[in-house]
Every structure is written in structure tokens, then in C-alpha cells.
PDB file of all heavy atoms in Angstrom:
ATOM      1  N   VAL A   1     128.592  11.070 158.396  1.00  0.00           N
ATOM      2  CA  VAL A   1     128.080  11.558 157.130  1.00  0.00           C
ATOM      3  C   VAL A   1     126.547  11.271 157.021  1.00  0.00           C
ATOM      4  O   VAL A   1     125.786  12.170 156.562  1.00  0.00           O
ATOM      5  CB  VAL A   1     128.801  10.822 155.908  1.00  0.00           C
ATOM      6  CG1 VAL A   1     128.106  10.995 154.590  1.00  0.00           C
ATOM      7  CG2 VAL A   1     130.257  11.393 155.874  1.00  0.00           C
ATOM      8  N   PHE A   2     126.162  10.090 157.469  1.00  0.00           N
ATOM      9  CA  PHE A   2     124.697   9.720 157.282  1.00  0.00           C
ATOM     10  C   PHE A   2     123.869  10.726 158.122  1.00  0.00           C
ATOM     11  O   PHE A   2     122.815  11.276 157.626  1.00  0.00           O
ATOM     12  CB  PHE A   2     124.495   8.285 157.817  1.00  0.00           C
ATOM     13  CG  PHE A   2     124.958   7.200 157.013  1.00  0.00           C
ATOM     14  CD1 PHE A   2     126.224   6.747 157.188  1.00  0.00           C
ATOM     15  CD2 PHE A   2     124.203   6.780 156.001  1.00  0.00           C
ATOM     16  CE1 PHE A   2     126.700   5.728 156.361  1.00  0.00           C
ATOM     17  CE2 PHE A   2     124.664   5.718 155.086  1.00  0.00           C
ATOM     18  CZ  PHE A   2     125.939   5.188 155.351  1.00  0.00           C
ATOM     19  N   VAL A   3     124.324  11.030 159.393  1.00  0.00           N
ATOM     20  CA  VAL A   3     123.583  12.008 160.212  1.00  0.00           C
ATOM     21  C   VAL A   3     123.553  13.391 159.633  1.00  0.00           C
ATOM     22  O   VAL A   3     122.501  14.074 159.661  1.00  0.00           O
ATOM     23  CB  VAL A   3     124.216  12.014 161.636  1.00  0.00           C
ATOM     24  CG1 VAL A   3     123.607  13.105 162.468  1.00  0.00           C
ATOM     25  CG2 VAL A   3     124.048  10.673 162.337  1.00  0.00           C
ATOM     26  N   GLU A   4     124.722  13.783 159.101  1.00  0.00           N
ATOM     27  CA  GLU A   4     124.845  15.182 158.519  1.00  0.00           C
ATOM     28  C   GLU A   4     123.973  15.360 157.277  1.00  0.00           C
ATOM     29  O   GLU A   4     123.302  16.376 157.049  1.00  0.00           O
ATOM     30  CB  GLU A   4     126.223  15.516 158.241  1.00  0.00           C
ATOM     31  CG  GLU A   4     126.442  17.000 157.735  1.00  0.00           C
ATOM     32  CD  GLU A   4     126.006  18.077 158.714  1.00  0.00           C
ATOM     33  OE1 GLU A   4     125.877  17.792 159.899  1.00  0.00           O
ATOM     34  OE2 GLU A   4     125.680  19.146 158.271  1.00  0.00           O
ATOM     35  N   LEU A   5     123.908  14.269 156.412  1.00  0.00           N
ATOM     36  CA  LEU A   5     123.050  14.416 155.174  1.00  0.00           C
ATOM     37  C   LEU A   5     121.540  14.429 155.613  1.00  0.00           C
ATOM     38  O   LEU A   5     120.742  15.208 154.956  1.00  0.00           O
ATOM     39  CB  LEU A   5     123.321  13.193 154.331  1.00  0.00           C
ATOM     40  CG  LEU A   5     124.681  13.109 153.644  1.00  0.00           C
ATOM     41  CD1 LEU A   5     124.785  11.911 152.745  1.00  0.00           C
ATOM     42  CD2 LEU A   5     125.076  14.370 152.926  1.00  0.00           C
ATOM     43  N   GLU A   6     121.226  13.728 156.650  1.00  0.00           N
ATOM     44  CA  GLU A   6     119.831  13.835 157.210  1.00  0.00           C
ATOM     45  C   GLU A   6     119.499  15.164 157.635  1.00  0.00           C
ATOM     46  O   GLU A   6     118.423  15.790 157.368  1.00  0.00           O
ATOM     47  CB  GLU A   6     119.607  12.743 158.287  1.00  0.00           C
ATOM     48  CG  GLU A   6     119.660  11.337 157.869  1.00  0.00           C
ATOM     49  CD  GLU A   6     118.360  10.812 157.381  1.00  0.00           C
ATOM     50  OE1 GLU A   6     117.393  11.676 157.206  1.00  0.00           O
ATOM     51  OE2 GLU A   6     118.215   9.622 157.182  1.00  0.00           O
ATOM     52  N   ARG A   7     120.415  15.763 158.321  1.00  0.00           N
ATOM     53  CA  ARG A   7     120.241  17.218 158.863  1.00  0.00           C
ATOM     54  C   ARG A   7     120.034  18.174 157.664  1.00  0.00           C
ATOM     55  O   ARG A   7     119.285  19.064 157.801  1.00  0.00           O
ATOM     56  CB  ARG A   7     121.434  17.558 159.753  1.00  0.00           C
ATOM     57  CG  ARG A   7     121.546  16.904 161.122  1.00  0.00           C
ATOM     58  CD  ARG A   7     122.816  17.328 161.849  1.00  0.00           C
ATOM     59  NE  ARG A   7     122.921  16.696 163.117  1.00  0.00           N
ATOM     60  CZ  ARG A   7     124.105  16.451 163.684  1.00  0.00           C
ATOM     61  NH1 ARG A   7     125.167  16.881 163.093  1.00  0.00           N
ATOM     62  NH2 ARG A   7     124.067  15.866 164.875  1.00  0.00           N
ATOM     63  N   MET A   8     120.841  17.989 156.764  1.00  0.00           N
ATOM     64  CA  MET A   8     120.774  18.853 155.521  1.00  0.00           C
ATOM     65  C   MET A   8     119.483  18.805 154.901  1.00  0.00           C
ATOM     66  O   MET A   8     118.738  19.759 154.484  1.00  0.00           O
ATOM     67  CB  MET A   8     121.901  18.503 154.576  1.00  0.00           C
ATOM     68  CG  MET A   8     123.301  18.805 155.052  1.00  0.00           C
ATOM     69  SD  MET A   8     124.508  18.466 153.771  1.00  0.00           S
ATOM     70  CE  MET A   8     124.391  19.787 152.681  1.00  0.00           C
ATOM     71  N   LEU A   9     118.844  17.585 154.819  1.00  0.00           N
ATOM     72  CA  LEU A   9     117.565  17.357 154.333  1.00  0.00           C
ATOM     73  C   LEU A   9     116.476  18.090 155.129  1.00  0.00           C
ATOM     74  O   LEU A   9     115.548  18.739 154.673  1.00  0.00           O
ATOM     75  CB  LEU A   9     117.149  15.918 154.156  1.00  0.00           C
ATOM     76  CG  LEU A   9     117.867  15.216 152.984  1.00  0.00           C
ATOM     77  CD1 LEU A   9     117.532  13.676 153.049  1.00  0.00           C
ATOM     78  CD2 LEU A   9     117.298  15.652 151.616  1.00  0.00           C
ATOM     79  N   GLN A  10     116.676  17.918 156.469  1.00  0.00           N
ATOM     80  CA  GLN A  10     115.654  18.548 157.391  1.00  0.00           C
ATOM     81  C   GLN A  10     115.777  20.154 157.323  1.00  0.00           C
ATOM     82  O   GLN A  10     114.811  20.798 157.489  1.00  0.00           O
ATOM     83  CB  GLN A  10     116.015  18.076 158.884  1.00  0.00           C
ATOM     84  CG  GLN A  10     115.696  16.640 159.135  1.00  0.00           C
ATOM     85  CD  GLN A  10     116.311  16.120 160.394  1.00  0.00           C
ATOM     86  OE1 GLN A  10     116.783  16.862 161.137  1.00  0.00           O
ATOM     87  NE2 GLN A  10     116.226  14.856 160.637  1.00  0.00           N
ATOM     88  N   ARG A  11     116.986  20.636 156.913  1.00  0.00           N
ATOM     89  CA  ARG A  11     117.068  22.057 156.800  1.00  0.00           C
ATOM     90  C   ARG A  11     116.613  22.515 155.386  1.00  0.00           C
ATOM     91  O   ARG A  11     116.704  23.712 155.058  1.00  0.00           O
ATOM     92  CB  ARG A  11     118.573  22.458 157.045  1.00  0.00           C
ATOM     93  CG  ARG A  11     119.120  22.267 158.462  1.00  0.00           C
ATOM     94  CD  ARG A  11     120.447  22.933 158.667  1.00  0.00           C
ATOM     95  NE  ARG A  11     121.483  22.480 157.811  1.00  0.00           N
ATOM     96  CZ  ARG A  11     122.439  21.595 158.280  1.00  0.00           C
ATOM     97  NH1 ARG A  11     122.416  21.094 159.476  1.00  0.00           N
ATOM     98  NH2 ARG A  11     123.402  21.219 157.386  1.00  0.00           N
ATOM     99  N   GLY A  12     116.251  21.639 154.592  1.00  0.00           N
ATOM    100  CA  GLY A  12     115.735  21.931 153.307  1.00  0.00           C
ATOM    101  C   GLY A  12     116.834  22.278 152.234  1.00  0.00           C
ATOM    102  O   GLY A  12     116.551  22.966 151.284  1.00  0.00           O
ATOM    103  N   GLU A  13     118.065  21.887 152.512  1.00  0.00           N
ATOM    104  CA  GLU A  13     119.216  22.223 151.647  1.00  0.00           C
ATOM    105  C   GLU A  13     119.243  21.387 150.366  1.00  0.00           C
ATOM    106  O   GLU A  13     118.684  20.265 150.387  1.00  0.00           O
ATOM    107  CB  GLU A  13     120.453  22.084 152.415  1.00  0.00           C
ATOM    108  CG  GLU A  13     120.552  23.068 153.607  1.00  0.00           C
ATOM    109  CD  GLU A  13     121.956  23.013 154.316  1.00  0.00           C
ATOM    110  OE1 GLU A  13     122.974  22.717 153.553  1.00  0.00           O
ATOM    111  OE2 GLU A  13     122.023  23.280 155.525  1.00  0.00           O
ATOM    112  N   LYS A  14     119.724  21.963 149.308  1.00  0.00           N
ATOM    113  CA  LYS A  14     119.822  21.227 148.019  1.00  0.00           C
ATOM    114  C   LYS A  14     121.227  21.391 147.458  1.00  0.00           C
ATOM    115  O   LYS A  14     121.945  22.310 147.830  1.00  0.00           O
ATOM    116  CB  LYS A  14     118.748  21.755 147.055  1.00  0.00           C
ATOM    117  CG  LYS A  14     117.374  21.471 147.425  1.00  0.00           C
ATOM    118  CD  LYS A  14     117.068  19.925 147.175  1.00  0.00           C
ATOM    119  CE  LYS A  14     115.683  19.631 147.580  1.00  0.00           C
ATOM    120  NZ  LYS A  14     115.411  18.166 147.342  1.00  0.00           N
ATOM    121  N   ALA A  15     121.638  20.523 146.542  1.00  0.00           N
ATOM    122  CA  ALA A  15     122.858  20.637 145.858  1.00  0.00           C
ATOM    123  C   ALA A  15     122.732  20.276 144.408  1.00  0.00           C
ATOM    124  O   ALA A  15     121.769  19.611 143.999  1.00  0.00           O
ATOM    125  CB  ALA A  15     123.907  19.689 146.604  1.00  0.00           C
ATOM    126  N   ASP A  16     123.753  20.691 143.693  1.00  0.00           N
ATOM    127  CA  ASP A  16     123.822  20.371 142.208  1.00  0.00           C
ATOM    128  C   ASP A  16     124.641  19.209 141.918  1.00  0.00           C
ATOM    129  O   ASP A  16     124.401  18.434 141.021  1.00  0.00           O
ATOM    130  CB  ASP A  16     124.440  21.567 141.418  1.00  0.00           C
ATOM    131  CG  ASP A  16     123.695  22.800 141.635  1.00  0.00           C
ATOM    132  OD1 ASP A  16     122.587  22.904 141.249  1.00  0.00           O
ATOM    133  OD2 ASP A  16     124.238  23.805 142.240  1.00  0.00           O
ATOM    134  N   ILE A  17     125.574  18.862 142.810  1.00  0.00           N
ATOM    135  CA  ILE A  17     126.407  17.617 142.638  1.00  0.00           C
ATOM    136  C   ILE A  17     126.646  17.037 144.075  1.00  0.00           C
ATOM    137  O   ILE A  17     126.896  17.742 145.051  1.00  0.00           O
ATOM    138  CB  ILE A  17     127.812  17.947 142.146  1.00  0.00           C
ATOM    139  CG1 ILE A  17     127.705  18.586 140.693  1.00  0.00           C
ATOM    140  CG2 ILE A  17     128.711  16.693 142.100  1.00  0.00           C
ATOM    141  CD1 ILE A  17     129.072  18.983 140.121  1.00  0.00           C
ATOM    142  N   VAL A  18     126.355  15.744 144.190  1.00  0.00           N
ATOM    143  CA  VAL A  18     126.552  14.990 145.456  1.00  0.00           C
ATOM    144  C   VAL A  18     127.523  13.901 145.238  1.00  0.00           C
ATOM    145  O   VAL A  18     127.241  13.049 144.329  1.00  0.00           O
ATOM    146  CB  VAL A  18     125.280  14.544 146.086  1.00  0.00           C
ATOM    147  CG1 VAL A  18     125.538  13.616 147.321  1.00  0.00           C
ATOM    148  CG2 VAL A  18     124.270  15.645 146.457  1.00  0.00           C
ATOM    149  N   VAL A  19     128.624  13.950 145.942  1.00  0.00           N
ATOM    150  CA  VAL A  19     129.665  12.881 145.684  1.00  0.00           C
ATOM    151  C   VAL A  19     129.572  11.983 146.933  1.00  0.00           C
ATOM    152  O   VAL A  19     129.750  12.505 148.091  1.00  0.00           O
ATOM    153  CB  VAL A  19     131.110  13.481 145.609  1.00  0.00           C
ATOM    154  CG1 VAL A  19     132.146  12.369 145.470  1.00  0.00           C
ATOM    155  CG2 VAL A  19     131.150  14.430 144.432  1.00  0.00           C
ATOM    156  N   LEU A  20     129.361  10.708 146.773  1.00  0.00           N
ATOM    157  CA  LEU A  20     129.373   9.737 147.833  1.00  0.00           C
ATOM    158  C   LEU A  20     130.461   8.801 147.653  1.00  0.00           C
ATOM    159  O   LEU A  20     130.464   7.874 146.785  1.00  0.00           O
ATOM    160  CB  LEU A  20     127.951   9.000 147.792  1.00  0.00           C
ATOM    161  CG  LEU A  20     126.740   9.917 147.881  1.00  0.00           C
ATOM    162  CD1 LEU A  20     125.555   9.008 147.609  1.00  0.00           C
ATOM    163  CD2 LEU A  20     126.665  10.593 149.202  1.00  0.00           C
ATOM    164  N   ASP A  21     131.524   8.886 148.418  1.00  0.00           N
ATOM    165  CA  ASP A  21     132.767   8.066 148.373  1.00  0.00           C
ATOM    166  C   ASP A  21     133.061   7.384 149.663  1.00  0.00           C
ATOM    167  O   ASP A  21     134.049   7.779 150.366  1.00  0.00           O
ATOM    168  CB  ASP A  21     133.922   8.918 147.912  1.00  0.00           C
ATOM    169  CG  ASP A  21     135.129   8.194 147.637  1.00  0.00           C
ATOM    170  OD1 ASP A  21     135.071   6.953 147.419  1.00  0.00           O
ATOM    171  OD2 ASP A  21     136.249   8.762 147.626  1.00  0.00           O
ATOM    172  N   PRO A  22     132.175   6.500 150.104  1.00  0.00           N
ATOM    173  CA  PRO A  22     132.406   5.917 151.415  1.00  0.00           C
ATOM    174  C   PRO A  22     133.563   4.931 151.538  1.00  0.00           C
ATOM    175  O   PRO A  22     134.076   4.525 150.552  1.00  0.00           O
ATOM    176  CB  PRO A  22     131.000   5.189 151.646  1.00  0.00           C
ATOM    177  CG  PRO A  22     130.669   4.805 150.344  1.00  0.00           C
ATOM    178  CD  PRO A  22     131.056   5.910 149.380  1.00  0.00           C
ATOM    179  N   PRO A  23     133.986   4.616 152.792  1.00  0.00           N
ATOM    180  CA  PRO A  23     134.980   3.586 152.982  1.00  0.00           C
ATOM    181  C   PRO A  23     134.408   2.250 152.607  1.00  0.00           C
ATOM    182  O   PRO A  23     133.281   2.068 152.341  1.00  0.00           O
ATOM    183  CB  PRO A  23     135.397   3.781 154.461  1.00  0.00           C
ATOM    184  CG  PRO A  23     134.170   4.244 155.112  1.00  0.00           C
ATOM    185  CD  PRO A  23     133.545   5.191 154.046  1.00  0.00           C
ATOM    186  N   LYS A  24     135.312   1.231 152.617  1.00  0.00           N
ATOM    187  CA  LYS A  24     134.848  -0.079 152.270  1.00  0.00           C
ATOM    188  C   LYS A  24     133.775  -0.617 153.310  1.00  0.00           C
ATOM    189  O   LYS A  24     134.076  -0.720 154.545  1.00  0.00           O
ATOM    190  CB  LYS A  24     136.026  -1.057 152.337  1.00  0.00           C
ATOM    191  CG  LYS A  24     135.765  -2.507 151.857  1.00  0.00           C
ATOM    192  CD  LYS A  24     137.020  -3.309 151.944  1.00  0.00           C
ATOM    193  CE  LYS A  24     138.061  -2.948 151.036  1.00  0.00           C
ATOM    194  NZ  LYS A  24     139.122  -3.973 150.989  1.00  0.00           N
ATOM    195  N   PHE A  25     132.629  -0.937 152.843  1.00  0.00           N
ATOM    196  CA  PHE A  25     131.560  -1.468 153.710  1.00  0.00           C
ATOM    197  C   PHE A  25     131.558  -2.904 153.858  1.00  0.00           C
ATOM    198  O   PHE A  25     130.991  -3.411 154.855  1.00  0.00           O
ATOM    199  CB  PHE A  25     130.129  -1.017 153.083  1.00  0.00           C
ATOM    200  CG  PHE A  25     129.805   0.369 153.285  1.00  0.00           C
ATOM    201  CD1 PHE A  25     128.570   0.902 152.604  1.00  0.00           C
ATOM    202  CD2 PHE A  25     130.499   1.240 154.157  1.00  0.00           C
ATOM    203  CE1 PHE A  25     128.283   2.267 152.802  1.00  0.00           C
ATOM    204  CE2 PHE A  25     130.073   2.568 154.234  1.00  0.00           C
ATOM    205  CZ  PHE A  25     129.008   3.115 153.611  1.00  0.00           C
ATOM    206  N   ALA A  26     132.156  -3.621 152.870  1.00  0.00           N
ATOM    207  CA  ALA A  26     132.150  -5.094 153.048  1.00  0.00           C
ATOM    208  C   ALA A  26     133.571  -5.624 152.976  1.00  0.00           C
ATOM    209  O   ALA A  26     134.231  -5.572 151.910  1.00  0.00           O
ATOM    210  CB  ALA A  26     131.341  -5.731 151.850  1.00  0.00           C
ATOM    211  N   ARG A  27     134.032  -6.181 154.091  1.00  0.00           N
ATOM    212  CA  ARG A  27     135.414  -6.660 154.151  1.00  0.00           C
ATOM    213  C   ARG A  27     135.337  -8.146 154.071  1.00  0.00           C
ATOM    214  O   ARG A  27     136.515  -8.818 153.962  1.00  0.00           O
ATOM    215  CB  ARG A  27     136.153  -6.208 155.417  1.00  0.00           C
ATOM    216  CG  ARG A  27     136.314  -4.702 155.385  1.00  0.00           C
ATOM    217  CD  ARG A  27     137.220  -4.359 156.634  1.00  0.00           C
ATOM    218  NE  ARG A  27     137.488  -2.816 156.553  1.00  0.00           N
ATOM    219  CZ  ARG A  27     138.460  -2.368 155.877  1.00  0.00           C
ATOM    220  NH1 ARG A  27     139.334  -3.105 155.253  1.00  0.00           N
ATOM    221  NH2 ARG A  27     138.678  -1.033 155.910  1.00  0.00           N
ATOM    222  N   ALA A  28     134.217  -8.806 154.195  1.00  0.00           N
ATOM    223  CA  ALA A  28     134.046 -10.274 154.039  1.00  0.00           C
ATOM    224  C   ALA A  28     132.810 -10.577 153.301  1.00  0.00           C
ATOM    225  O   ALA A  28     131.867  -9.711 153.275  1.00  0.00           O
ATOM    226  CB  ALA A  28     134.043 -10.920 155.353  1.00  0.00           C
ATOM    227  N   ARG A  29     132.691 -11.758 152.604  1.00  0.00           N
ATOM    228  CA  ARG A  29     131.520 -11.972 151.782  1.00  0.00           C
ATOM    229  C   ARG A  29     130.194 -11.968 152.551  1.00  0.00           C
ATOM    230  O   ARG A  29     129.212 -11.624 152.072  1.00  0.00           O
ATOM    231  CB  ARG A  29     131.781 -13.351 151.069  1.00  0.00           C
ATOM    232  CG  ARG A  29     130.800 -13.599 149.934  1.00  0.00           C
ATOM    233  CD  ARG A  29     131.269 -14.700 149.086  1.00  0.00           C
ATOM    234  NE  ARG A  29     132.530 -14.348 148.351  1.00  0.00           N
ATOM    235  CZ  ARG A  29     132.676 -13.595 147.305  1.00  0.00           C
ATOM    236  NH1 ARG A  29     131.611 -13.008 146.795  1.00  0.00           N
ATOM    237  NH2 ARG A  29     133.820 -13.359 146.722  1.00  0.00           N
ATOM    238  N   ASN A  30     130.285 -12.426 153.911  1.00  0.00           N
ATOM    239  CA  ASN A  30     129.041 -12.422 154.629  1.00  0.00           C
ATOM    240  C   ASN A  30     128.580 -11.045 155.072  1.00  0.00           C
ATOM    241  O   ASN A  30     127.589 -10.856 155.675  1.00  0.00           O
ATOM    242  CB  ASN A  30     129.221 -13.347 155.902  1.00  0.00           C
ATOM    243  CG  ASN A  30     130.333 -12.815 156.819  1.00  0.00           C
ATOM    244  OD1 ASN A  30     130.895 -11.752 156.624  1.00  0.00           O
ATOM    245  ND2 ASN A  30     130.669 -13.648 157.836  1.00  0.00           N
ATOM    246  N   ALA A  31     129.402  -9.976 154.691  1.00  0.00           N
ATOM    247  CA  ALA A  31     128.977  -8.608 155.029  1.00  0.00           C
ATOM    248  C   ALA A  31     128.382  -7.897 153.810  1.00  0.00           C
ATOM    249  O   ALA A  31     127.981  -6.742 153.956  1.00  0.00           O
ATOM    250  CB  ALA A  31     130.182  -7.820 155.408  1.00  0.00           C
ATOM    251  N   VAL A  32     128.251  -8.523 152.631  1.00  0.00           N
ATOM    252  CA  VAL A  32     127.807  -7.818 151.427  1.00  0.00           C
ATOM    253  C   VAL A  32     126.384  -7.362 151.629  1.00  0.00           C
ATOM    254  O   VAL A  32     126.058  -6.218 151.207  1.00  0.00           O
ATOM    255  CB  VAL A  32     127.981  -8.741 150.241  1.00  0.00           C
ATOM    256  CG1 VAL A  32     127.249  -8.191 148.963  1.00  0.00           C
ATOM    257  CG2 VAL A  32     129.444  -9.062 149.865  1.00  0.00           C
ATOM    258  N   ASN A  33     125.439  -8.170 152.158  1.00  0.00           N
ATOM    259  CA  ASN A  33     124.087  -7.738 152.206  1.00  0.00           C
ATOM    260  C   ASN A  33     124.009  -6.481 153.134  1.00  0.00           C
ATOM    261  O   ASN A  33     123.212  -5.525 152.783  1.00  0.00           O
ATOM    262  CB  ASN A  33     123.198  -8.835 152.765  1.00  0.00           C
ATOM    263  CG  ASN A  33     122.979  -9.912 151.775  1.00  0.00           C
ATOM    264  OD1 ASN A  33     123.081  -9.659 150.500  1.00  0.00           O
ATOM    265  ND2 ASN A  33     122.694 -11.122 152.059  1.00  0.00           N
ATOM    266  N   GLU A  34     124.654  -6.476 154.214  1.00  0.00           N
ATOM    267  CA  GLU A  34     124.631  -5.316 155.063  1.00  0.00           C
ATOM    268  C   GLU A  34     125.299  -4.085 154.468  1.00  0.00           C
ATOM    269  O   GLU A  34     124.809  -2.948 154.500  1.00  0.00           O
ATOM    270  CB  GLU A  34     125.374  -5.562 156.450  1.00  0.00           C
ATOM    271  CG  GLU A  34     125.180  -4.717 157.528  1.00  0.00           C
ATOM    272  CD  GLU A  34     123.714  -4.644 158.038  1.00  0.00           C
ATOM    273  OE1 GLU A  34     123.058  -5.749 157.828  1.00  0.00           O
ATOM    274  OE2 GLU A  34     123.238  -3.551 158.513  1.00  0.00           O
ATOM    275  N   ALA A  35     126.442  -4.330 153.598  1.00  0.00           N
ATOM    276  CA  ALA A  35     126.953  -3.206 152.891  1.00  0.00           C
ATOM    277  C   ALA A  35     125.918  -2.570 151.845  1.00  0.00           C
ATOM    278  O   ALA A  35     125.871  -1.409 151.741  1.00  0.00           O
ATOM    279  CB  ALA A  35     128.133  -3.722 152.127  1.00  0.00           C
ATOM    280  N   LEU A  36     125.142  -3.475 151.183  1.00  0.00           N
ATOM    281  CA  LEU A  36     124.206  -2.969 150.286  1.00  0.00           C
ATOM    282  C   LEU A  36     123.142  -2.096 150.892  1.00  0.00           C
ATOM    283  O   LEU A  36     122.635  -1.126 150.306  1.00  0.00           O
ATOM    284  CB  LEU A  36     123.602  -4.085 149.432  1.00  0.00           C
ATOM    285  CG  LEU A  36     124.477  -4.870 148.507  1.00  0.00           C
ATOM    286  CD1 LEU A  36     123.751  -6.114 147.937  1.00  0.00           C
ATOM    287  CD2 LEU A  36     124.914  -3.935 147.384  1.00  0.00           C
ATOM    288  N   LYS A  37     122.783  -2.425 152.112  1.00  0.00           N
ATOM    289  CA  LYS A  37     121.878  -1.582 152.892  1.00  0.00           C
ATOM    290  C   LYS A  37     122.524  -0.157 153.138  1.00  0.00           C
ATOM    291  O   LYS A  37     121.777   0.828 153.067  1.00  0.00           O
ATOM    292  CB  LYS A  37     121.548  -2.301 154.197  1.00  0.00           C
ATOM    293  CG  LYS A  37     120.692  -3.492 154.208  1.00  0.00           C
ATOM    294  CD  LYS A  37     120.478  -4.091 155.543  1.00  0.00           C
ATOM    295  CE  LYS A  37     119.701  -5.392 155.543  1.00  0.00           C
ATOM    296  NZ  LYS A  37     119.527  -5.939 156.841  1.00  0.00           N
ATOM    297  N   GLY A  38     123.850  -0.136 153.432  1.00  0.00           N
ATOM    298  CA  GLY A  38     124.456   1.115 153.676  1.00  0.00           C
ATOM    299  C   GLY A  38     124.453   1.935 152.288  1.00  0.00           C
ATOM    300  O   GLY A  38     124.174   3.120 152.387  1.00  0.00           O
ATOM    301  N   TYR A  39     124.718   1.318 151.183  1.00  0.00           N
ATOM    302  CA  TYR A  39     124.834   2.008 149.925  1.00  0.00           C
ATOM    303  C   TYR A  39     123.359   2.445 149.564  1.00  0.00           C
ATOM    304  O   TYR A  39     123.184   3.566 149.010  1.00  0.00           O
ATOM    305  CB  TYR A  39     125.284   1.103 148.769  1.00  0.00           C
ATOM    306  CG  TYR A  39     126.770   0.825 148.886  1.00  0.00           C
ATOM    307  CD1 TYR A  39     127.284  -0.503 149.043  1.00  0.00           C
ATOM    308  CD2 TYR A  39     127.722   1.863 148.834  1.00  0.00           C
ATOM    309  CE1 TYR A  39     128.622  -0.742 149.159  1.00  0.00           C
ATOM    310  CE2 TYR A  39     129.049   1.568 148.968  1.00  0.00           C
ATOM    311  CZ  TYR A  39     129.445   0.314 149.187  1.00  0.00           C
ATOM    312  OH  TYR A  39     130.824   0.018 149.273  1.00  0.00           O
ATOM    313  N   ARG A  40     122.307   1.681 149.927  1.00  0.00           N
ATOM    314  CA  ARG A  40     120.945   2.015 149.637  1.00  0.00           C
ATOM    315  C   ARG A  40     120.623   3.331 150.421  1.00  0.00           C
ATOM    316  O   ARG A  40     120.028   4.268 149.860  1.00  0.00           O
ATOM    317  CB  ARG A  40     120.042   0.915 150.016  1.00  0.00           C
ATOM    318  CG  ARG A  40     118.513   1.136 149.775  1.00  0.00           C
ATOM    319  CD  ARG A  40     117.670   0.063 150.437  1.00  0.00           C
ATOM    320  NE  ARG A  40     118.081  -1.256 149.870  1.00  0.00           N
ATOM    321  CZ  ARG A  40     117.617  -1.759 148.741  1.00  0.00           C
ATOM    322  NH1 ARG A  40     116.753  -1.095 147.975  1.00  0.00           N
ATOM    323  NH2 ARG A  40     118.015  -2.962 148.353  1.00  0.00           N
TER     324      ARG A  40
END
């Protein structure tokens, strides 16, 4: 998904609605900071 969204930007594509529903990024408390980077 990250790669494809980057490609879409490079192609100059636009959308009216973007739904971002990723899987669980943080399965342990020590993974929260890394998860926030993913959401960012």
C-alpha cells in the first residue's frame, strides 16, 4: 500500500475520498513509537 500510494502521487492522481485502514501496527507497548511513524 505504501509503495502504491507513492506511485499514485508520482502519476499525479487525485481522489475525493481516501480510506486508510491498516492492520495493527503495534502489538506491544515498545512498538508504539514505530507504529506512529507508520501512521504518520
